């Protein structure tokens, strides 16, 4: 079997390493040349002193010694000028590499946020589709033991095959849960009053079955603090787009698992680069809703976007911060989320 290829550093990082090596070589060259010039000057000075001691016989040697001194001065000036010009070009190259690094990380941040937004667009389709299921609207329109049992069974079937959801909850117009998918949480869910739940209030106020509600990432009170992202819509009579509102369906996307997986696995970074890089997703309030640094989860990140939707900058500690706000997918606006990559020097 052939050995696996060694990990290769990203192009900007490799270029920076080469530039740093060139700069280090230049510094060594300058120091060595300075030492040679200093020694040459000292030798020339010794020669002038000896020529003076020799009197008339040393005059011609004194002229040579003075010329050597002058050439040493010229060599020092030429070296200083050369080093200054090369260091200027190195600084320019470093800035270009920094811009290239920033552009690369911005692209990664945008790919990250667009990946999750496209995934979540499917969740908006799921909830609108399932809300038209006959067993659900019948369970709300004619709430008997049989109809609610069928609604519960139907939600359980959906949940079994759509493992990205931690629960699906059917709520009547009064805010009472009448059917749920996940038996593990059913006891607590059925005892909650959903009239105060943001997703429920917004869902029953929708004007048609084409519309939906996307809640913010939050810890679920019915699921022992589990991180969820709830999508909801009204359940309507006959499953019709403009039917009478009977209640609402809320589907609980398992954000804790999915969000952590996306920031950890969907950006390709080498081992050395990954160790000094933090990947995050921010909501519209710059709240950290997913991150490779769990300690900062649900804190606020001080993003200095300056009105831009994408870009990069160096923060006060010298870290490169790249960001990209989602531009949505189809009719899903992406809720103003932003992908952020922070890379330490």
C-alpha atoms as a PDB file:
ATOM      1  CA  UNK A   1       0.000   0.000   0.000  1.00  0.00           C
ATOM      2  CA  UNK A   2       1.242   3.481  -0.795  1.00  0.00           C
ATOM      3  CA  UNK A   3       1.696   5.944   2.032  1.00  0.00           C
ATOM      4  CA  UNK A   4      -0.863   8.715   2.390  1.00  0.00           C
ATOM      5  CA  UNK A   5       0.345  12.090   1.117  1.00  0.00           C
ATOM      6  CA  UNK A   6       1.482  14.532   3.758  1.00  0.00           C
ATOM      7  CA  UNK A   7      -0.871  17.391   4.540  1.00  0.00           C
ATOM      8  CA  UNK A   8      -0.053  20.423   2.415  1.00  0.00           C
ATOM      9  CA  UNK A   9      -0.468  23.890   3.853  1.00  0.00           C
ATOM     10  CA  UNK A  10      -2.933  26.185   2.016  1.00  0.00           C
ATOM     11  CA  UNK A  11      -1.337  28.301  -0.730  1.00  0.00           C
ATOM     12  CA  UNK A  12      -1.428  31.643   1.174  1.00  0.00           C
ATOM     13  CA  UNK A  13       0.115  30.014   4.240  1.00  0.00           C
ATOM     14  CA  UNK A  14       2.841  28.379   2.115  1.00  0.00           C
ATOM     15  CA  UNK A  15       3.569  31.718   0.452  1.00  0.00           C
ATOM     16  CA  UNK A  16       3.810  33.411   3.833  1.00  0.00           C
ATOM     17  CA  UNK A  17       6.316  30.801   4.989  1.00  0.00           C
ATOM     18  CA  UNK A  18       8.459  31.414   1.888  1.00  0.00           C
ATOM     19  CA  UNK A  19       8.303  35.183   2.405  1.00  0.00           C
ATOM     20  CA  UNK A  20       9.293  34.785   6.060  1.00  0.00           C
ATOM     21  CA  UNK A  21      12.233  32.597   5.019  1.00  0.00           C
ATOM     22  CA  UNK A  22      13.360  35.211   2.491  1.00  0.00           C
ATOM     23  CA  UNK A  23      13.114  37.909   5.155  1.00  0.00           C
ATOM     24  CA  UNK A  24      15.123  35.811   7.610  1.00  0.00           C
ATOM     25  CA  UNK A  25      17.807  35.217   4.951  1.00  0.00           C
ATOM     26  CA  UNK A  26      17.904  38.947   4.199  1.00  0.00           C
ATOM     27  CA  UNK A  27      18.398  39.792   7.870  1.00  0.00           C
ATOM     28  CA  UNK A  28      21.219  37.262   8.136  1.00  0.00           C
ATOM     29  CA  UNK A  29      22.837  38.645   4.975  1.00  0.00           C
ATOM     30  CA  UNK A  30      22.591  42.213   6.281  1.00  0.00           C
ATOM     31  CA  UNK A  31      24.145  41.277   9.621  1.00  0.00           C
ATOM     32  CA  UNK A  32      26.989  39.346   7.957  1.00  0.00           C
ATOM     33  CA  UNK A  33      27.681  42.151   5.479  1.00  0.00           C
ATOM     34  CA  UNK A  34      27.667  44.733   8.269  1.00  0.00           C
ATOM     35  CA  UNK A  35      30.256  42.685  10.140  1.00  0.00           C
ATOM     36  CA  UNK A  36      32.473  42.481   7.009  1.00  0.00           C
ATOM     37  CA  UNK A  37      32.218  46.251   6.449  1.00  0.00           C
ATOM     38  CA  UNK A  38      33.078  46.951  10.099  1.00  0.00           C
ATOM     39  CA  UNK A  39      36.136  44.678   9.931  1.00  0.00           C
ATOM     40  CA  UNK A  40      37.217  46.292   6.652  1.00  0.00           C
ATOM     41  CA  UNK A  41      36.984  49.763   8.187  1.00  0.00           C
ATOM     42  CA  UNK A  42      39.044  48.689  11.182  1.00  0.00           C
ATOM     43  CA  UNK A  43      41.730  47.172   8.953  1.00  0.00           C
ATOM     44  CA  UNK A  44      41.813  50.327   6.821  1.00  0.00           C
ATOM     45  CA  UNK A  45      42.138  52.455   9.976  1.00  0.00           C
ATOM     46  CA  UNK A  46      45.037  50.293  11.200  1.00  0.00           C
ATOM     47  CA  UNK A  47      46.671  50.712   7.808  1.00  0.00           C
ATOM     48  CA  UNK A  48      46.344  54.514   7.973  1.00  0.00           C
ATOM     49  CA  UNK A  49      47.915  54.546  11.442  1.00  0.00           C
ATOM     50  CA  UNK A  50      50.822  52.348  10.325  1.00  0.00           C
ATOM     51  CA  UNK A  51      51.324  54.459   7.191  1.00  0.00           C
ATOM     52  CA  UNK A  52      51.536  57.585   9.341  1.00  0.00           C
ATOM     53  CA  UNK A  53      54.183  55.944  11.524  1.00  0.00           C
ATOM     54  CA  UNK A  54      56.212  55.075   8.412  1.00  0.00           C
ATOM     55  CA  UNK A  55      56.420  58.747   7.516  1.00  0.00           C
ATOM     56  CA  UNK A  56      57.325  59.604   3.934  1.00  0.00           C
ATOM     57  CA  UNK A  57      57.671  55.935   2.979  1.00  0.00           C
ATOM     58  CA  UNK A  58      54.079  55.228   4.019  1.00  0.00           C
ATOM     59  CA  UNK A  59      52.325  58.025   2.123  1.00  0.00           C
ATOM     60  CA  UNK A  60      51.371  55.918  -0.896  1.00  0.00           C
ATOM     61  CA  UNK A  61      50.062  53.135   1.385  1.00  0.00           C
ATOM     62  CA  UNK A  62      48.003  55.739   3.258  1.00  0.00           C
ATOM     63  CA  UNK A  63      46.229  56.701   0.035  1.00  0.00           C
ATOM     64  CA  UNK A  64      45.267  53.056  -0.528  1.00  0.00           C
ATOM     65  CA  UNK A  65      44.024  52.699   3.036  1.00  0.00           C
ATOM     66  CA  UNK A  66      41.808  55.780   2.709  1.00  0.00           C
ATOM     67  CA  UNK A  67      40.395  54.407  -0.562  1.00  0.00           C
ATOM     68  CA  UNK A  68      39.571  51.125   1.156  1.00  0.00           C
ATOM     69  CA  UNK A  69      37.733  53.082   3.844  1.00  0.00           C
ATOM     70  CA  UNK A  70      35.720  54.940   1.200  1.00  0.00           C
ATOM     71  CA  UNK A  71      34.808  51.702  -0.596  1.00  0.00           C
ATOM     72  CA  UNK A  72      33.703  50.181   2.706  1.00  0.00           C
ATOM     73  CA  UNK A  73      31.396  53.162   3.287  1.00  0.00           C
ATOM     74  CA  UNK A  74      29.952  52.807  -0.233  1.00  0.00           C
ATOM     75  CA  UNK A  75      29.412  49.091   0.323  1.00  0.00           C
ATOM     76  CA  UNK A  76      27.585  49.807   3.585  1.00  0.00           C
ATOM     77  CA  UNK A  77      25.339  52.397   1.911  1.00  0.00           C
ATOM     78  CA  UNK A  78      24.582  50.072  -1.011  1.00  0.00           C
ATOM     79  CA  UNK A  79      23.737  47.220   1.365  1.00  0.00           C
ATOM     80  CA  UNK A  80      21.452  49.427   3.475  1.00  0.00           C
ATOM     81  CA  UNK A  81      19.651  50.719   0.384  1.00  0.00           C
ATOM     82  CA  UNK A  82      19.293  47.196  -1.027  1.00  0.00           C
ATOM     83  CA  UNK A  83      17.948  45.823   2.255  1.00  0.00           C
ATOM     84  CA  UNK A  84      15.472  48.698   2.617  1.00  0.00           C
ATOM     85  CA  UNK A  85      14.070  48.135  -0.896  1.00  0.00           C
ATOM     86  CA  UNK A  86      13.798  44.376  -0.470  1.00  0.00           C
ATOM     87  CA  UNK A  87      12.100  44.731   2.936  1.00  0.00           C
ATOM     88  CA  UNK A  88       9.588  47.116   1.354  1.00  0.00           C
ATOM     89  CA  UNK A  89       8.820  44.506  -1.310  1.00  0.00           C
ATOM     90  CA  UNK A  90       8.543  41.835   1.402  1.00  0.00           C
ATOM     91  CA  UNK A  91       6.051  43.992   3.336  1.00  0.00           C
ATOM     92  CA  UNK A  92       4.042  44.476   0.133  1.00  0.00           C
ATOM     93  CA  UNK A  93       4.111  40.738  -0.516  1.00  0.00           C
ATOM     94  CA  UNK A  94       2.965  40.043   3.032  1.00  0.00           C
ATOM     95  CA  UNK A  95       0.010  42.382   2.559  1.00  0.00           C
ATOM     96  CA  UNK A  96      -0.892  40.672  -0.709  1.00  0.00           C
ATOM     97  CA  UNK A  97      -0.708  37.278   0.982  1.00  0.00           C
ATOM     98  CA  UNK A  98      -2.835  38.592   3.852  1.00  0.00           C
ATOM     99  CA  UNK A  99      -5.435  39.782   1.331  1.00  0.00           C
ATOM    100  CA  UNK A 100      -5.309  36.378  -0.349  1.00  0.00           C
ATOM    101  CA  UNK A 101      -5.698  34.633   3.010  1.00  0.00           C
ATOM    102  CA  UNK A 102      -8.649  36.860   3.820  1.00  0.00           C
ATOM    103  CA  UNK A 103     -10.332  36.171   0.468  1.00  0.00           C
ATOM    104  CA  UNK A 104      -9.897  32.422   0.955  1.00  0.00           C
ATOM    105  CA  UNK A 105     -11.361  32.452   4.457  1.00  0.00           C
ATOM    106  CA  UNK A 106     -14.249  34.673   3.332  1.00  0.00           C
ATOM    107  CA  UNK A 107     -15.084  32.083   0.664  1.00  0.00           C
ATOM    108  CA  UNK A 108     -14.980  29.355   3.314  1.00  0.00           C
ATOM    109  CA  UNK A 109     -17.257  31.386   5.612  1.00  0.00           C
ATOM    110  CA  UNK A 110     -19.725  31.935   2.780  1.00  0.00           C
ATOM    111  CA  UNK A 111     -19.699  28.261   1.795  1.00  0.00           C
ATOM    112  CA  UNK A 112     -20.399  27.352   5.417  1.00  0.00           C
ATOM    113  CA  UNK A 113     -23.380  29.628   5.928  1.00  0.00           C
ATOM    114  CA  UNK A 114     -24.861  28.859   2.518  1.00  0.00           C
ATOM    115  CA  UNK A 115     -24.574  25.129   3.170  1.00  0.00           C
ATOM    116  CA  UNK A 116     -26.667  25.351   6.323  1.00  0.00           C
ATOM    117  CA  UNK A 117     -29.140  27.798   4.782  1.00  0.00           C
ATOM    118  CA  UNK A 118     -29.773  25.456   1.848  1.00  0.00           C
ATOM    119  CA  UNK A 119     -30.249  22.620   4.318  1.00  0.00           C
ATOM    120  CA  UNK A 120     -32.687  24.657   6.383  1.00  0.00           C
ATOM    121  CA  UNK A 121     -34.662  25.695   3.325  1.00  0.00           C
ATOM    122  CA  UNK A 122     -35.707  22.050   3.107  1.00  0.00           C
ATOM    123  CA  UNK A 123     -37.036  22.330   6.653  1.00  0.00           C
ATOM    124  CA  UNK A 124     -39.394  25.120   5.534  1.00  0.00           C
ATOM    125  CA  UNK A 125     -40.681  22.798   2.817  1.00  0.00           C
ATOM    126  CA  UNK A 126     -41.079  19.936   5.302  1.00  0.00           C
ATOM    127  CA  UNK A 127     -43.292  21.816   7.723  1.00  0.00           C
ATOM    128  CA  UNK A 128     -45.555  23.258   5.004  1.00  0.00           C
ATOM    129  CA  UNK A 129     -45.970  19.836   3.428  1.00  0.00           C
ATOM    130  CA  UNK A 130     -46.623  17.884   6.633  1.00  0.00           C
ATOM    131  CA  UNK A 131     -49.141  20.466   7.863  1.00  0.00           C
ATOM    132  CA  UNK A 132     -51.433  19.423   4.996  1.00  0.00           C
ATOM    133  CA  UNK A 133     -51.453  15.769   6.121  1.00  0.00           C
ATOM    134  CA  UNK A 134     -55.029  14.525   6.507  1.00  0.00           C
ATOM    135  CA  UNK A 135     -54.396  12.931   9.906  1.00  0.00           C
ATOM    136  CA  UNK A 136     -53.176  16.247  11.345  1.00  0.00           C
ATOM    137  CA  UNK A 137     -55.966  18.565  10.232  1.00  0.00           C
ATOM    138  CA  UNK A 138     -58.572  15.934  11.023  1.00  0.00           C
ATOM    139  CA  UNK A 139     -57.092  15.518  14.492  1.00  0.00           C
ATOM    140  CA  UNK A 140     -57.578  19.244  15.101  1.00  0.00           C
ATOM    141  CA  UNK A 141     -60.918  19.599  13.367  1.00  0.00           C
ATOM    142  CA  UNK A 142     -62.452  16.500  14.970  1.00  0.00           C
ATOM    143  CA  UNK A 143     -60.368  15.833  18.104  1.00  0.00           C
ATOM    144  CA  UNK A 144     -61.396  12.334  19.192  1.00  0.00           C
ATOM    145  CA  UNK A 145     -59.249   9.610  20.711  1.00  0.00           C
ATOM    146  CA  UNK A 146     -59.061   7.866  17.322  1.00  0.00           C
ATOM    147  CA  UNK A 147     -58.178  10.922  15.226  1.00  0.00           C
ATOM    148  CA  UNK A 148     -55.544  12.104  17.704  1.00  0.00           C
ATOM    149  CA  UNK A 149     -54.073   8.600  17.871  1.00  0.00           C
ATOM    150  CA  UNK A 150     -53.744   8.617  14.081  1.00  0.00           C
ATOM    151  CA  UNK A 151     -52.115  12.064  14.206  1.00  0.00           C
ATOM    152  CA  UNK A 152     -49.657  10.832  16.822  1.00  0.00           C
ATOM    153  CA  UNK A 153     -48.894   7.729  14.780  1.00  0.00           C
ATOM    154  CA  UNK A 154     -48.334   9.802  11.652  1.00  0.00           C
ATOM    155  CA  UNK A 155     -45.956  12.191  13.436  1.00  0.00           C
ATOM    156  CA  UNK A 156     -44.066   9.182  14.804  1.00  0.00           C
ATOM    157  CA  UNK A 157     -43.609   7.744  11.302  1.00  0.00           C
ATOM    158  CA  UNK A 158     -42.246  11.041  10.010  1.00  0.00           C
ATOM    159  CA  UNK A 159     -39.918  11.329  12.990  1.00  0.00           C
ATOM    160  CA  UNK A 160     -38.588   7.826  12.491  1.00  0.00           C
ATOM    161  CA  UNK A 161     -37.366   8.615   8.977  1.00  0.00           C
ATOM    162  CA  UNK A 162     -36.369  12.255   9.449  1.00  0.00           C
ATOM    163  CA  UNK A 163     -33.732  11.885  12.129  1.00  0.00           C
ATOM    164  CA  UNK A 164     -32.632  15.538  11.956  1.00  0.00           C
ATOM    165  CA  UNK A 165     -35.701  16.385  14.073  1.00  0.00           C
ATOM    166  CA  UNK A 166     -35.876  15.871  17.811  1.00  0.00           C
ATOM    167  CA  UNK A 167     -39.664  16.237  17.865  1.00  0.00           C
ATOM    168  CA  UNK A 168     -42.781  17.289  15.936  1.00  0.00           C
ATOM    169  CA  UNK A 169     -45.617  18.885  17.917  1.00  0.00           C
ATOM    170  CA  UNK A 170     -49.239  19.438  16.872  1.00  0.00           C
ATOM    171  CA  UNK A 171     -50.950  22.229  18.827  1.00  0.00           C
ATOM    172  CA  UNK A 172     -54.617  23.234  18.722  1.00  0.00           C
ATOM    173  CA  UNK A 173     -55.884  26.809  18.406  1.00  0.00           C
ATOM    174  CA  UNK A 174     -55.960  27.226  22.205  1.00  0.00           C
ATOM    175  CA  UNK A 175     -52.245  26.452  22.483  1.00  0.00           C
ATOM    176  CA  UNK A 176     -52.623  22.903  23.822  1.00  0.00           C
ATOM    177  CA  UNK A 177     -50.416  20.134  22.390  1.00  0.00           C
ATOM    178  CA  UNK A 178     -52.617  17.297  21.173  1.00  0.00           C
ATOM    179  CA  UNK A 179     -50.077  15.034  19.427  1.00  0.00           C
ATOM    180  CA  UNK A 180     -46.293  14.642  19.419  1.00  0.00           C
ATOM    181  CA  UNK A 181     -43.740  12.477  17.630  1.00  0.00           C
ATOM    182  CA  UNK A 182     -41.124  11.781  20.307  1.00  0.00           C
ATOM    183  CA  UNK A 183     -42.403   9.617  23.156  1.00  0.00           C
ATOM    184  CA  UNK A 184     -39.393  10.563  25.307  1.00  0.00           C
ATOM    185  CA  UNK A 185     -40.669  14.137  25.634  1.00  0.00           C
ATOM    186  CA  UNK A 186     -44.411  13.526  25.296  1.00  0.00           C
ATOM    187  CA  UNK A 187     -45.248  13.724  28.974  1.00  0.00           C
ATOM    188  CA  UNK A 188     -43.740  17.177  29.343  1.00  0.00           C
ATOM    189  CA  UNK A 189     -44.891  18.476  25.949  1.00  0.00           C
ATOM    190  CA  UNK A 190     -48.538  17.616  26.570  1.00  0.00           C
ATOM    191  CA  UNK A 191     -48.561  19.633  29.784  1.00  0.00           C
ATOM    192  CA  UNK A 192     -47.222  22.865  28.307  1.00  0.00           C
ATOM    193  CA  UNK A 193     -49.212  25.920  27.319  1.00  0.00           C
ATOM    194  CA  UNK A 194     -48.015  26.980  23.864  1.00  0.00           C
ATOM    195  CA  UNK A 195     -50.049  30.184  23.749  1.00  0.00           C
ATOM    196  CA  UNK A 196     -46.945  32.052  24.904  1.00  0.00           C
ATOM    197  CA  UNK A 197     -44.557  30.257  22.545  1.00  0.00           C
ATOM    198  CA  UNK A 198     -43.218  32.623  19.884  1.00  0.00           C
ATOM    199  CA  UNK A 199     -43.383  30.046  17.125  1.00  0.00           C
ATOM    200  CA  UNK A 200     -46.999  29.165  17.905  1.00  0.00           C
ATOM    201  CA  UNK A 201     -48.234  32.759  18.096  1.00  0.00           C
ATOM    202  CA  UNK A 202     -46.561  33.617  14.805  1.00  0.00           C
ATOM    203  CA  UNK A 203     -47.688  30.436  13.064  1.00  0.00           C
ATOM    204  CA  UNK A 204     -51.434  30.808  13.740  1.00  0.00           C
ATOM    205  CA  UNK A 205     -51.225  34.436  12.558  1.00  0.00           C
ATOM    206  CA  UNK A 206     -49.990  33.423   9.089  1.00  0.00           C
ATOM    207  CA  UNK A 207     -52.226  34.260   6.158  1.00  0.00           C
ATOM    208  CA  UNK A 208     -51.838  31.109   4.068  1.00  0.00           C
ATOM    209  CA  UNK A 209     -50.383  27.616   3.970  1.00  0.00           C
ATOM    210  CA  UNK A 210     -47.572  28.873   1.744  1.00  0.00           C
ATOM    211  CA  UNK A 211     -46.125  30.789   4.671  1.00  0.00           C
ATOM    212  CA  UNK A 212     -44.022  29.535   7.555  1.00  0.00           C
ATOM    213  CA  UNK A 213     -42.264  30.682  10.715  1.00  0.00           C
ATOM    214  CA  UNK A 214     -38.548  30.219  11.424  1.00  0.00           C
ATOM    215  CA  UNK A 215     -37.763  30.699  15.103  1.00  0.00           C
ATOM    216  CA  UNK A 216     -34.336  31.561  16.482  1.00  0.00           C
ATOM    217  CA  UNK A 217     -31.996  28.901  17.845  1.00  0.00           C
ATOM    218  CA  UNK A 218     -32.953  28.323  21.453  1.00  0.00           C
ATOM    219  CA  UNK A 219     -32.882  25.762  24.245  1.00  0.00           C
ATOM    220  CA  UNK A 220     -36.157  23.866  24.306  1.00  0.00           C
ATOM    221  CA  UNK A 221     -38.157  23.998  27.521  1.00  0.00           C
ATOM    222  CA  UNK A 222     -39.875  20.722  26.580  1.00  0.00           C
ATOM    223  CA  UNK A 223     -36.636  18.856  25.830  1.00  0.00           C
ATOM    224  CA  UNK A 224     -34.488  19.464  28.888  1.00  0.00           C
ATOM    225  CA  UNK A 225     -32.664  22.414  27.358  1.00  0.00           C
ATOM    226  CA  UNK A 226     -31.824  20.711  24.070  1.00  0.00           C
ATOM    227  CA  UNK A 227     -30.738  23.162  21.344  1.00  0.00           C
ATOM    228  CA  UNK A 228     -33.446  23.379  18.688  1.00  0.00           C
ATOM    229  CA  UNK A 229     -34.482  25.451  15.715  1.00  0.00           C
ATOM    230  CA  UNK A 230     -38.257  25.373  15.335  1.00  0.00           C
ATOM    231  CA  UNK A 231     -40.035  25.727  12.003  1.00  0.00           C
ATOM    232  CA  UNK A 232     -43.802  26.096  12.134  1.00  0.00           C
ATOM    233  CA  UNK A 233     -46.902  26.831  10.099  1.00  0.00           C
ATOM    234  CA  UNK A 234     -50.650  26.839  10.600  1.00  0.00           C
ATOM    235  CA  UNK A 235     -52.623  23.643  10.116  1.00  0.00           C
ATOM    236  CA  UNK A 236     -55.706  24.477   8.045  1.00  0.00           C
ATOM    237  CA  UNK A 237     -59.093  22.916   7.458  1.00  0.00           C
ATOM    238  CA  UNK A 238     -59.014  20.361   4.662  1.00  0.00           C
ATOM    239  CA  UNK A 239     -55.267  20.895   4.277  1.00  0.00           C
ATOM    240  CA  UNK A 240     -56.144  23.789   1.975  1.00  0.00           C
ATOM    241  CA  UNK A 241     -53.765  26.693   1.384  1.00  0.00           C
ATOM    242  CA  UNK A 242     -56.379  29.223   2.511  1.00  0.00           C
ATOM    243  CA  UNK A 243     -58.395  26.960   4.779  1.00  0.00           C
ATOM    244  CA  UNK A 244     -59.547  27.961   8.253  1.00  0.00           C
ATOM    245  CA  UNK A 245     -56.757  27.924  10.827  1.00  0.00           C
ATOM    246  CA  UNK A 246     -57.174  24.986  13.229  1.00  0.00           C
ATOM    247  CA  UNK A 247     -53.855  25.100  15.067  1.00  0.00           C
ATOM    248  CA  UNK A 248     -50.163  24.840  14.294  1.00  0.00           C
ATOM    249  CA  UNK A 249     -47.445  22.310  13.601  1.00  0.00           C
ATOM    250  CA  UNK A 250     -43.968  22.905  15.030  1.00  0.00           C
ATOM    251  CA  UNK A 251     -41.009  20.783  13.897  1.00  0.00           C
ATOM    252  CA  UNK A 252     -37.950  20.826  16.141  1.00  0.00           C
ATOM    253  CA  UNK A 253     -34.748  20.684  14.118  1.00  0.00           C
ATOM    254  CA  UNK A 254     -32.008  19.124  16.263  1.00  0.00           C
ATOM    255  CA  UNK A 255     -29.707  22.116  16.115  1.00  0.00           C
ATOM    256  CA  UNK A 256     -27.268  21.064  18.839  1.00  0.00           C
ATOM    257  CA  UNK A 257     -26.164  18.038  16.842  1.00  0.00           C
ATOM    258  CA  UNK A 258     -26.421  19.435  13.324  1.00  0.00           C
ATOM    259  CA  UNK A 259     -24.921  22.862  14.029  1.00  0.00           C
ATOM    260  CA  UNK A 260     -21.904  21.443  15.850  1.00  0.00           C
ATOM    261  CA  UNK A 261     -21.279  18.959  13.056  1.00  0.00           C
ATOM    262  CA  UNK A 262     -21.386  21.623  10.342  1.00  0.00           C
ATOM    263  CA  UNK A 263     -18.853  24.019  11.891  1.00  0.00           C
ATOM    264  CA  UNK A 264     -16.552  21.147  12.844  1.00  0.00           C
ATOM    265  CA  UNK A 265     -16.600  19.135   9.633  1.00  0.00           C
ATOM    266  CA  UNK A 266     -17.674  21.220   6.643  1.00  0.00           C
ATOM    267  CA  UNK A 267     -14.598  23.463   6.285  1.00  0.00           C
ATOM    268  CA  UNK A 268     -11.466  21.729   5.027  1.00  0.00           C
ATOM    269  CA  UNK A 269      -8.496  22.811   7.152  1.00  0.00           C
ATOM    270  CA  UNK A 270      -5.135  21.157   7.653  1.00  0.00           C
ATOM    271  CA  UNK A 271      -4.317  19.955  11.204  1.00  0.00           C
ATOM    272  CA  UNK A 272      -1.977  22.850  11.932  1.00  0.00           C
ATOM    273  CA  UNK A 273      -4.386  25.424  10.536  1.00  0.00           C
ATOM    274  CA  UNK A 274      -7.392  23.922  12.304  1.00  0.00           C
ATOM    275  CA  UNK A 275      -5.637  24.220  15.679  1.00  0.00           C
ATOM    276  CA  UNK A 276      -5.497  28.013  15.373  1.00  0.00           C
ATOM    277  CA  UNK A 277      -8.869  28.537  13.696  1.00  0.00           C
ATOM    278  CA  UNK A 278     -12.321  29.072  15.192  1.00  0.00           C
ATOM    279  CA  UNK A 279     -15.376  28.567  12.985  1.00  0.00           C
ATOM    280  CA  UNK A 280     -18.715  30.115  13.957  1.00  0.00           C
ATOM    281  CA  UNK A 281     -22.262  30.752  12.832  1.00  0.00           C
ATOM    282  CA  UNK A 282     -23.882  33.969  14.063  1.00  0.00           C
ATOM    283  CA  UNK A 283     -27.569  34.837  14.050  1.00  0.00           C
ATOM    284  CA  UNK A 284     -28.919  38.258  13.102  1.00  0.00           C
ATOM    285  CA  UNK A 285     -28.011  39.650  16.552  1.00  0.00           C
ATOM    286  CA  UNK A 286     -24.421  38.312  16.245  1.00  0.00           C
ATOM    287  CA  UNK A 287     -25.241  35.668  18.831  1.00  0.00           C
ATOM    288  CA  UNK A 288     -22.965  32.625  18.452  1.00  0.00           C
ATOM    289  CA  UNK A 289     -25.316  29.750  17.605  1.00  0.00           C
ATOM    290  CA  UNK A 290     -22.678  27.206  16.512  1.00  0.00           C
ATOM    291  CA  UNK A 291     -18.928  27.169  17.046  1.00  0.00           C
ATOM    292  CA  UNK A 292     -15.839  24.997  17.274  1.00  0.00           C
ATOM    293  CA  UNK A 293     -15.237  26.732  20.627  1.00  0.00           C
ATOM    294  CA  UNK A 294     -18.120  25.392  22.782  1.00  0.00           C
ATOM    295  CA  UNK A 295     -17.270  27.703  25.688  1.00  0.00           C
ATOM    296  CA  UNK A 296     -18.410  30.712  23.660  1.00  0.00           C
ATOM    297  CA  UNK A 297     -21.743  29.232  22.522  1.00  0.00           C
ATOM    298  CA  UNK A 298     -24.670  31.689  22.806  1.00  0.00           C
ATOM    299  CA  UNK A 299     -22.324  34.527  23.631  1.00  0.00           C
ATOM    300  CA  UNK A 300     -22.155  37.611  21.409  1.00  0.00           C
ATOM    301  CA  UNK A 301     -19.344  38.022  18.885  1.00  0.00           C
ATOM    302  CA  UNK A 302     -18.120  41.556  18.228  1.00  0.00           C
ATOM    303  CA  UNK A 303     -18.151  41.391  14.446  1.00  0.00           C
ATOM    304  CA  UNK A 304     -16.765  44.565  12.866  1.00  0.00           C
ATOM    305  CA  UNK A 305     -18.577  44.243   9.526  1.00  0.00           C
ATOM    306  CA  UNK A 306     -18.838  48.011   8.960  1.00  0.00           C
ATOM    307  CA  UNK A 307     -21.962  47.619   6.901  1.00  0.00           C
ATOM    308  CA  UNK A 308     -20.467  45.002   4.587  1.00  0.00           C
ATOM    309  CA  UNK A 309     -22.056  41.628   3.911  1.00  0.00           C
ATOM    310  CA  UNK A 310     -18.687  39.903   3.413  1.00  0.00           C
ATOM    311  CA  UNK A 311     -15.050  40.748   4.027  1.00  0.00           C
ATOM    312  CA  UNK A 312     -12.080  40.289   6.331  1.00  0.00           C
ATOM    313  CA  UNK A 313     -10.025  42.312   8.782  1.00  0.00           C
ATOM    314  CA  UNK A 314      -7.401  41.975  11.512  1.00  0.00           C
ATOM    315  CA  UNK A 315      -8.713  42.395  15.027  1.00  0.00           C
ATOM    316  CA  UNK A 316      -6.875  43.995  17.951  1.00  0.00           C
ATOM    317  CA  UNK A 317      -5.017  40.764  18.764  1.00  0.00           C
ATOM    318  CA  UNK A 318      -3.827  40.328  15.167  1.00  0.00           C
ATOM    319  CA  UNK A 319      -6.211  37.486  14.303  1.00  0.00           C
ATOM    320  CA  UNK A 320      -7.662  37.396  10.802  1.00  0.00           C
ATOM    321  CA  UNK A 321     -11.472  37.580  10.923  1.00  0.00           C
ATOM    322  CA  UNK A 322     -13.347  36.573   7.760  1.00  0.00           C
ATOM    323  CA  UNK A 323     -17.124  36.777   7.497  1.00  0.00           C
ATOM    324  CA  UNK A 324     -19.964  36.341   5.030  1.00  0.00           C
ATOM    325  CA  UNK A 325     -23.660  36.968   5.591  1.00  0.00           C
ATOM    326  CA  UNK A 326     -26.045  34.596   3.886  1.00  0.00           C
ATOM    327  CA  UNK A 327     -27.858  35.773   0.771  1.00  0.00           C
ATOM    328  CA  UNK A 328     -30.600  33.215   1.403  1.00  0.00           C
ATOM    329  CA  UNK A 329     -31.839  30.405  -0.770  1.00  0.00           C
ATOM    330  CA  UNK A 330     -34.936  30.672  -2.933  1.00  0.00           C
ATOM    331  CA  UNK A 331     -37.673  32.240  -0.760  1.00  0.00           C
ATOM    332  CA  UNK A 332     -35.834  31.450   2.505  1.00  0.00           C
ATOM    333  CA  UNK A 333     -33.912  34.577   3.552  1.00  0.00           C
ATOM    334  CA  UNK A 334     -31.560  32.686   5.857  1.00  0.00           C
ATOM    335  CA  UNK A 335     -32.608  34.830   8.869  1.00  0.00           C
ATOM    336  CA  UNK A 336     -29.590  37.108   8.436  1.00  0.00           C
ATOM    337  CA  UNK A 337     -27.106  34.479   9.612  1.00  0.00           C
ATOM    338  CA  UNK A 338     -23.369  34.985   9.133  1.00  0.00           C
ATOM    339  CA  UNK A 339     -20.513  32.520   8.742  1.00  0.00           C
ATOM    340  CA  UNK A 340     -17.318  33.586  10.525  1.00  0.00           C
ATOM    341  CA  UNK A 341     -13.795  32.161  10.466  1.00  0.00           C
ATOM    342  CA  UNK A 342     -11.253  33.522  12.973  1.00  0.00           C
ATOM    343  CA  UNK A 343      -7.653  32.500  12.410  1.00  0.00           C
ATOM    344  CA  UNK A 344      -4.827  33.317  14.795  1.00  0.00           C
ATOM    345  CA  UNK A 345      -1.470  34.394  13.313  1.00  0.00           C
END
